[in-house]
Amino acid sequence: MIPFERAWPYDIIMKDIYVQSCPFCGQDNVLLPLRPKELPDIKSGKKRLLVFPCCHNRVTVLDADQDYLLTDTKLRQA
């Protein structure tokens, strides 16, 4: 079972990956420094450091599906 408190939803818009809000500072519509072409590598097991540009907090992305990024950090209360 996927630990929901470590997953965060994302959207792909015009070849860019956005989150609706930053899990750390609450900034709306954050453009992530991640490209859709990197998602297959993440899905196959490659870890990726993700630094949120709004507040510079870091998480390691462990896995991804079509809707969520799975990280090594708790992003929400269970």
PDB file of N, CA and C in Angstrom:
ATOM      1  N   MET A   1       0.839  -1.184   0.000  1.00  0.00           N
ATOM      2  CA  MET A   1       0.000   0.000   0.000  1.00  0.00           C
ATOM      3  C   MET A   1       0.887   1.251   0.000  1.00  0.00           C
ATOM      4  N   ILE A   2       0.561   2.203  -0.830  1.00  0.00           N
ATOM      5  CA  ILE A   2       1.333   3.435  -0.952  1.00  0.00           C
ATOM      6  C   ILE A   2       1.081   4.313   0.268  1.00  0.00           C
ATOM      7  N   PRO A   3       2.144   4.779   0.928  1.00  0.00           N
ATOM      8  CA  PRO A   3       1.961   5.661   2.085  1.00  0.00           C
ATOM      9  C   PRO A   3       1.494   7.044   1.616  1.00  0.00           C
ATOM     10  N   PHE A   4       0.210   7.315   1.801  1.00  0.00           N
ATOM     11  CA  PHE A   4      -0.400   8.531   1.269  1.00  0.00           C
ATOM     12  C   PHE A   4       0.227   9.798   1.851  1.00  0.00           C
ATOM     13  N   GLU A   5       0.733   9.742   3.080  1.00  0.00           N
ATOM     14  CA  GLU A   5       1.318  10.945   3.688  1.00  0.00           C
ATOM     15  C   GLU A   5       2.649  11.335   3.035  1.00  0.00           C
ATOM     16  N   ARG A   6       3.240  10.439   2.249  1.00  0.00           N
ATOM     17  CA  ARG A   6       4.487  10.740   1.541  1.00  0.00           C
ATOM     18  C   ARG A   6       4.280  10.987   0.050  1.00  0.00           C
ATOM     19  N   ALA A   7       3.053  11.007  -0.416  1.00  0.00           N
ATOM     20  CA  ALA A   7       2.752  11.220  -1.842  1.00  0.00           C
ATOM     21  C   ALA A   7       2.185  12.623  -2.049  1.00  0.00           C
ATOM     22  N   TRP A   8       2.514  13.215  -3.197  1.00  0.00           N
ATOM     23  CA  TRP A   8       2.020  14.560  -3.501  1.00  0.00           C
ATOM     24  C   TRP A   8       1.567  14.588  -4.956  1.00  0.00           C
ATOM     25  N   PRO A   9       0.357  15.135  -5.222  1.00  0.00           N
ATOM     26  CA  PRO A   9      -0.163  15.149  -6.600  1.00  0.00           C
ATOM     27  C   PRO A   9       0.566  16.173  -7.475  1.00  0.00           C
ATOM     28  N   TYR A  10       0.652  15.847  -8.756  1.00  0.00           N
ATOM     29  CA  TYR A  10       1.263  16.759  -9.721  1.00  0.00           C
ATOM     30  C   TYR A  10       0.449  16.756 -10.998  1.00  0.00           C
ATOM     31  N   ASP A  11       0.684  17.769 -11.839  1.00  0.00           N
ATOM     32  CA  ASP A  11       0.039  17.890 -13.142  1.00  0.00           C
ATOM     33  C   ASP A  11       1.105  18.186 -14.187  1.00  0.00           C
ATOM     34  N   ILE A  12       0.896  17.671 -15.390  1.00  0.00           N
ATOM     35  CA  ILE A  12       1.762  18.000 -16.517  1.00  0.00           C
ATOM     36  C   ILE A  12       0.990  18.957 -17.414  1.00  0.00           C
ATOM     37  N   ILE A  13       1.559  20.155 -17.593  1.00  0.00           N
ATOM     38  CA  ILE A  13       0.933  21.180 -18.425  1.00  0.00           C
ATOM     39  C   ILE A  13       1.988  21.706 -19.392  1.00  0.00           C
ATOM     40  N   MET A  14       1.760  21.506 -20.674  1.00  0.00           N
ATOM     41  CA  MET A  14       2.653  22.002 -21.723  1.00  0.00           C
ATOM     42  C   MET A  14       4.109  21.575 -21.489  1.00  0.00           C
ATOM     43  N   LYS A  15       4.339  20.292 -21.221  1.00  0.00           N
ATOM     44  CA  LYS A  15       5.671  19.709 -21.015  1.00  0.00           C
ATOM     45  C   LYS A  15       6.385  20.234 -19.769  1.00  0.00           C
ATOM     46  N   ASP A  16       5.626  20.776 -18.821  1.00  0.00           N
ATOM     47  CA  ASP A  16       6.156  21.198 -17.536  1.00  0.00           C
ATOM     48  C   ASP A  16       5.384  20.478 -16.439  1.00  0.00           C
ATOM     49  N   ILE A  17       6.038  20.240 -15.301  1.00  0.00           N
ATOM     50  CA  ILE A  17       5.392  19.575 -14.180  1.00  0.00           C
ATOM     51  C   ILE A  17       5.136  20.603 -13.081  1.00  0.00           C
ATOM     52  N   TYR A  18       3.882  20.682 -12.661  1.00  0.00           N
ATOM     53  CA  TYR A  18       3.452  21.619 -11.631  1.00  0.00           C
ATOM     54  C   TYR A  18       2.831  20.854 -10.468  1.00  0.00           C
ATOM     55  N   VAL A  19       2.922  21.450  -9.268  1.00  0.00           N
ATOM     56  CA  VAL A  19       2.099  21.016  -8.144  1.00  0.00           C
ATOM     57  C   VAL A  19       1.175  22.180  -7.816  1.00  0.00           C
ATOM     58  N   GLN A  20      -0.039  21.855  -7.385  1.00  0.00           N
ATOM     59  CA  GLN A  20      -0.997  22.918  -7.120  1.00  0.00           C
ATOM     60  C   GLN A  20      -0.586  23.781  -5.943  1.00  0.00           C
ATOM     61  N   SER A  21       0.098  23.186  -4.972  1.00  0.00           N
ATOM     62  CA  SER A  21       0.621  23.965  -3.854  1.00  0.00           C
ATOM     63  C   SER A  21       1.850  23.262  -3.288  1.00  0.00           C
ATOM     64  N   CYS A  22       2.748  24.056  -2.746  1.00  0.00           N
ATOM     65  CA  CYS A  22       3.961  23.511  -2.137  1.00  0.00           C
ATOM     66  C   CYS A  22       3.587  22.899  -0.786  1.00  0.00           C
ATOM     67  N   PRO A  23       4.044  21.688  -0.494  1.00  0.00           N
ATOM     68  CA  PRO A  23       3.701  21.060   0.786  1.00  0.00           C
ATOM     69  C   PRO A  23       4.399  21.714   1.976  1.00  0.00           C
ATOM     70  N   PHE A  24       5.383  22.547   1.728  1.00  0.00           N
ATOM     71  CA  PHE A  24       6.146  23.166   2.809  1.00  0.00           C
ATOM     72  C   PHE A  24       5.716  24.603   3.096  1.00  0.00           C
ATOM     73  N   CYS A  25       5.659  25.443   2.056  1.00  0.00           N
ATOM     74  CA  CYS A  25       5.344  26.864   2.289  1.00  0.00           C
ATOM     75  C   CYS A  25       3.945  27.262   1.835  1.00  0.00           C
ATOM     76  N   GLY A  26       3.252  26.401   1.054  1.00  0.00           N
ATOM     77  CA  GLY A  26       1.889  26.702   0.630  1.00  0.00           C
ATOM     78  C   GLY A  26       1.778  27.528  -0.634  1.00  0.00           C
ATOM     79  N   GLN A  27       2.879  27.861  -1.265  1.00  0.00           N
ATOM     80  CA  GLN A  27       2.863  28.626  -2.517  1.00  0.00           C
ATOM     81  C   GLN A  27       1.999  27.898  -3.548  1.00  0.00           C
ATOM     82  N   ASP A  28       1.187  28.630  -4.294  1.00  0.00           N
ATOM     83  CA  ASP A  28       0.299  28.043  -5.301  1.00  0.00           C
ATOM     84  C   ASP A  28       1.004  27.899  -6.644  1.00  0.00           C
ATOM     85  N   ASN A  29       0.609  26.866  -7.403  1.00  0.00           N
ATOM     86  CA  ASN A  29       1.067  26.620  -8.777  1.00  0.00           C
ATOM     87  C   ASN A  29       2.591  26.696  -8.910  1.00  0.00           C
ATOM     88  N   VAL A  30       3.266  25.738  -8.309  1.00  0.00           N
ATOM     89  CA  VAL A  30       4.724  25.712  -8.303  1.00  0.00           C
ATOM     90  C   VAL A  30       5.232  24.872  -9.480  1.00  0.00           C
ATOM     91  N   LEU A  31       6.073  25.482 -10.302  1.00  0.00           N
ATOM     92  CA  LEU A  31       6.719  24.787 -11.416  1.00  0.00           C
ATOM     93  C   LEU A  31       7.909  24.028 -10.859  1.00  0.00           C
ATOM     94  N   LEU A  32       7.914  22.707 -11.036  1.00  0.00           N
ATOM     95  CA  LEU A  32       8.987  21.876 -10.497  1.00  0.00           C
ATOM     96  C   LEU A  32      10.141  21.765 -11.485  1.00  0.00           C
ATOM     97  N   PRO A  33      11.371  21.675 -10.972  1.00  0.00           N
ATOM     98  CA  PRO A  33      12.525  21.477 -11.858  1.00  0.00           C
ATOM     99  C   PRO A  33      12.661  20.005 -12.252  1.00  0.00           C
ATOM    100  N   LEU A  34      11.643  19.519 -12.906  1.00  0.00           N
ATOM    101  CA  LEU A  34      11.530  18.114 -13.288  1.00  0.00           C
ATOM    102  C   LEU A  34      10.815  18.089 -14.630  1.00  0.00           C
ATOM    103  N   ARG A  35      11.251  17.245 -15.521  1.00  0.00           N
ATOM    104  CA  ARG A  35      10.640  17.159 -16.860  1.00  0.00           C
ATOM    105  C   ARG A  35       9.881  15.840 -17.006  1.00  0.00           C
ATOM    106  N   PRO A  36       8.815  15.835 -17.792  1.00  0.00           N
ATOM    107  CA  PRO A  36       8.061  14.596 -18.004  1.00  0.00           C
ATOM    108  C   PRO A  36       8.904  13.451 -18.549  1.00  0.00           C
ATOM    109  N   LYS A  37       9.960  13.738 -19.304  1.00  0.00           N
ATOM    110  CA  LYS A  37      10.800  12.666 -19.841  1.00  0.00           C
ATOM    111  C   LYS A  37      11.623  11.981 -18.749  1.00  0.00           C
ATOM    112  N   GLU A  38      11.727  12.582 -17.546  1.00  0.00           N
ATOM    113  CA  GLU A  38      12.440  11.974 -16.429  1.00  0.00           C
ATOM    114  C   GLU A  38      11.552  11.000 -15.642  1.00  0.00           C
ATOM    115  N   LEU A  39      10.245  11.080 -15.814  1.00  0.00           N
ATOM    116  CA  LEU A  39       9.317  10.241 -15.053  1.00  0.00           C
ATOM    117  C   LEU A  39       9.498   8.742 -15.313  1.00  0.00           C
ATOM    118  N   PRO A  40       9.737   8.284 -16.551  1.00  0.00           N
ATOM    119  CA  PRO A  40       9.957   6.841 -16.735  1.00  0.00           C
ATOM    120  C   PRO A  40      11.169   6.310 -15.969  1.00  0.00           C
ATOM    121  N   ASP A  41      12.241   7.112 -15.864  1.00  0.00           N
ATOM    122  CA  ASP A  41      13.403   6.696 -15.076  1.00  0.00           C
ATOM    123  C   ASP A  41      13.048   6.565 -13.602  1.00  0.00           C
ATOM    124  N   ILE A  42      12.271   7.508 -13.093  1.00  0.00           N
ATOM    125  CA  ILE A  42      11.845   7.474 -11.688  1.00  0.00           C
ATOM    126  C   ILE A  42      10.949   6.263 -11.457  1.00  0.00           C
ATOM    127  N   LYS A  43      10.044   6.000 -12.392  1.00  0.00           N
ATOM    128  CA  LYS A  43       9.145   4.845 -12.261  1.00  0.00           C
ATOM    129  C   LYS A  43       9.904   3.526 -12.265  1.00  0.00           C
ATOM    130  N   SER A  44      11.051   3.484 -12.954  1.00  0.00           N
ATOM    131  CA  SER A  44      11.819   2.246 -13.023  1.00  0.00           C
ATOM    132  C   SER A  44      12.787   2.085 -11.849  1.00  0.00           C
ATOM    133  N   GLY A  45      12.768   3.019 -10.899  1.00  0.00           N
ATOM    134  CA  GLY A  45      13.560   2.847  -9.685  1.00  0.00           C
ATOM    135  C   GLY A  45      14.655   3.858  -9.444  1.00  0.00           C
ATOM    136  N   LYS A  46      14.878   4.770 -10.360  1.00  0.00           N
ATOM    137  CA  LYS A  46      15.915   5.781 -10.171  1.00  0.00           C
ATOM    138  C   LYS A  46      15.403   6.874  -9.232  1.00  0.00           C
ATOM    139  N   LYS A  47      16.167   7.188  -8.199  1.00  0.00           N
ATOM    140  CA  LYS A  47      15.780   8.242  -7.263  1.00  0.00           C
ATOM    141  C   LYS A  47      16.162   9.598  -7.841  1.00  0.00           C
ATOM    142  N   ARG A  48      15.402  10.628  -7.456  1.00  0.00           N
ATOM    143  CA  ARG A  48      15.647  11.979  -7.989  1.00  0.00           C
ATOM    144  C   ARG A  48      15.492  12.988  -6.869  1.00  0.00           C
ATOM    145  N   LEU A  49      16.505  13.817  -6.634  1.00  0.00           N
ATOM    146  CA  LEU A  49      16.412  14.897  -5.667  1.00  0.00           C
ATOM    147  C   LEU A  49      15.567  16.002  -6.269  1.00  0.00           C
ATOM    148  N   LEU A  50      14.575  16.460  -5.528  1.00  0.00           N
ATOM    149  CA  LEU A  50      13.680  17.515  -5.992  1.00  0.00           C
ATOM    150  C   LEU A  50      13.752  18.666  -5.002  1.00  0.00           C
ATOM    151  N   VAL A  51      14.168  19.837  -5.495  1.00  0.00           N
ATOM    152  CA  VAL A  51      14.243  21.045  -4.676  1.00  0.00           C
ATOM    153  C   VAL A  51      13.116  21.962  -5.125  1.00  0.00           C
ATOM    154  N   PHE A  52      12.227  22.285  -4.192  1.00  0.00           N
ATOM    155  CA  PHE A  52      11.120  23.186  -4.512  1.00  0.00           C
ATOM    156  C   PHE A  52      11.675  24.597  -4.696  1.00  0.00           C
ATOM    157  N   PRO A  53      11.424  25.246  -5.841  1.00  0.00           N
ATOM    158  CA  PRO A  53      12.016  26.554  -6.120  1.00  0.00           C
ATOM    159  C   PRO A  53      11.456  27.680  -5.246  1.00  0.00           C
ATOM    160  N   CYS A  54      10.302  27.478  -4.655  1.00  0.00           N
ATOM    161  CA  CYS A  54       9.678  28.541  -3.875  1.00  0.00           C
ATOM    162  C   CYS A  54      10.319  28.710  -2.490  1.00  0.00           C
ATOM    163  N   CYS A  55      10.688  27.613  -1.836  1.00  0.00           N
ATOM    164  CA  CYS A  55      11.208  27.681  -0.467  1.00  0.00           C
ATOM    165  C   CYS A  55      12.498  26.897  -0.276  1.00  0.00           C
ATOM    166  N   HIS A  56      12.980  26.240  -1.338  1.00  0.00           N
ATOM    167  CA  HIS A  56      14.246  25.497  -1.346  1.00  0.00           C
ATOM    168  C   HIS A  56      14.265  24.283  -0.411  1.00  0.00           C
ATOM    169  N   ASN A  57      13.104  23.794  -0.023  1.00  0.00           N
ATOM    170  CA  ASN A  57      13.045  22.537   0.725  1.00  0.00           C
ATOM    171  C   ASN A  57      13.286  21.391  -0.247  1.00  0.00           C
ATOM    172  N   ARG A  58      13.881  20.304   0.267  1.00  0.00           N
ATOM    173  CA  ARG A  58      14.274  19.186  -0.594  1.00  0.00           C
ATOM    174  C   ARG A  58      13.587  17.898  -0.178  1.00  0.00           C
ATOM    175  N   VAL A  59      13.251  17.108  -1.188  1.00  0.00           N
ATOM    176  CA  VAL A  59      12.751  15.749  -0.978  1.00  0.00           C
ATOM    177  C   VAL A  59      13.399  14.864  -2.037  1.00  0.00           C
ATOM    178  N   THR A  60      13.456  13.579  -1.759  1.00  0.00           N
ATOM    179  CA  THR A  60      13.911  12.620  -2.754  1.00  0.00           C
ATOM    180  C   THR A  60      12.687  11.900  -3.298  1.00  0.00           C
ATOM    181  N   VAL A  61      12.512  11.958  -4.606  1.00  0.00           N
ATOM    182  CA  VAL A  61      11.391  11.283  -5.256  1.00  0.00           C
ATOM    183  C   VAL A  61      11.800   9.835  -5.485  1.00  0.00           C
ATOM    184  N   LEU A  62      11.031   8.907  -4.901  1.00  0.00           N
ATOM    185  CA  LEU A  62      11.337   7.482  -4.974  1.00  0.00           C
ATOM    186  C   LEU A  62      10.589   6.767  -6.089  1.00  0.00           C
ATOM    187  N   ASP A  63       9.373   7.258  -6.388  1.00  0.00           N
ATOM    188  CA  ASP A  63       8.529   6.605  -7.384  1.00  0.00           C
ATOM    189  C   ASP A  63       7.515   7.618  -7.882  1.00  0.00           C
ATOM    190  N   ALA A  64       6.881   7.311  -8.991  1.00  0.00           N
ATOM    191  CA  ALA A  64       5.871   8.193  -9.560  1.00  0.00           C
ATOM    192  C   ALA A  64       4.859   7.356 -10.328  1.00  0.00           C
ATOM    193  N   ASP A  65       3.633   7.841 -10.335  1.00  0.00           N
ATOM    194  CA  ASP A  65       2.629   7.262 -11.225  1.00  0.00           C
ATOM    195  C   ASP A  65       2.059   8.410 -12.042  1.00  0.00           C
ATOM    196  N   GLN A  66       0.888   8.234 -12.619  1.00  0.00           N
ATOM    197  CA  GLN A  66       0.327   9.275 -13.480  1.00  0.00           C
ATOM    198  C   GLN A  66      -0.175  10.485 -12.706  1.00  0.00           C
ATOM    199  N   ASP A  67      -0.363  10.347 -11.387  1.00  0.00           N
ATOM    200  CA  ASP A  67      -0.942  11.433 -10.604  1.00  0.00           C
ATOM    201  C   ASP A  67      -0.097  11.899  -9.425  1.00  0.00           C
ATOM    202  N   TYR A  68       0.727  11.015  -8.866  1.00  0.00           N
ATOM    203  CA  TYR A  68       1.420  11.319  -7.615  1.00  0.00           C
ATOM    204  C   TYR A  68       2.914  11.059  -7.708  1.00  0.00           C
ATOM    205  N   LEU A  69       3.671  11.867  -6.953  1.00  0.00           N
ATOM    206  CA  LEU A  69       5.090  11.630  -6.728  1.00  0.00           C
ATOM    207  C   LEU A  69       5.231  11.056  -5.325  1.00  0.00           C
ATOM    208  N   LEU A  70       5.936   9.939  -5.189  1.00  0.00           N
ATOM    209  CA  LEU A  70       6.174   9.320  -3.894  1.00  0.00           C
ATOM    210  C   LEU A  70       7.552   9.756  -3.419  1.00  0.00           C
ATOM    211  N   THR A  71       7.617  10.321  -2.201  1.00  0.00           N
ATOM    212  CA  THR A  71       8.869  10.858  -1.681  1.00  0.00           C
ATOM    213  C   THR A  71       9.315  10.101  -0.435  1.00  0.00           C
ATOM    214  N   ASP A  72      10.491  10.469   0.048  1.00  0.00           N
ATOM    215  CA  ASP A  72      11.028   9.864   1.272  1.00  0.00           C
ATOM    216  C   ASP A  72      10.628  10.655   2.515  1.00  0.00           C
ATOM    217  N   THR A  73       9.875  11.736   2.355  1.00  0.00           N
ATOM    218  CA  THR A  73       9.526  12.650   3.443  1.00  0.00           C
ATOM    219  C   THR A  73       8.025  12.719   3.615  1.00  0.00           C
ATOM    220  N   LYS A  74       7.565  12.818   4.857  1.00  0.00           N
ATOM    221  CA  LYS A  74       6.139  13.030   5.103  1.00  0.00           C
ATOM    222  C   LYS A  74       5.765  14.431   4.645  1.00  0.00           C
ATOM    223  N   LEU A  75       4.795  14.516   3.772  1.00  0.00           N
ATOM    224  CA  LEU A  75       4.363  15.800   3.216  1.00  0.00           C
ATOM    225  C   LEU A  75       3.025  16.259   3.764  1.00  0.00           C
ATOM    226  N   ARG A  76       2.326  15.377   4.449  1.00  0.00           N
ATOM    227  CA  ARG A  76       1.022  15.734   5.022  1.00  0.00           C
ATOM    228  C   ARG A  76       0.779  14.870   6.261  1.00  0.00           C
ATOM    229  N   GLN A  77      -0.159  15.308   7.065  1.00  0.00           N
ATOM    230  CA  GLN A  77      -0.543  14.534   8.251  1.00  0.00           C
ATOM    231  C   GLN A  77      -1.409  13.374   7.833  1.00  0.00           C
ATOM    232  N   ALA A  78      -1.200  12.232   8.439  1.00  0.00           N
ATOM    233  CA  ALA A  78      -1.958  11.013   8.077  1.00  0.00           C
ATOM    234  C   ALA A  78      -3.399  11.089   8.513  1.00  0.00           C
TER     235      ALA A  78
END
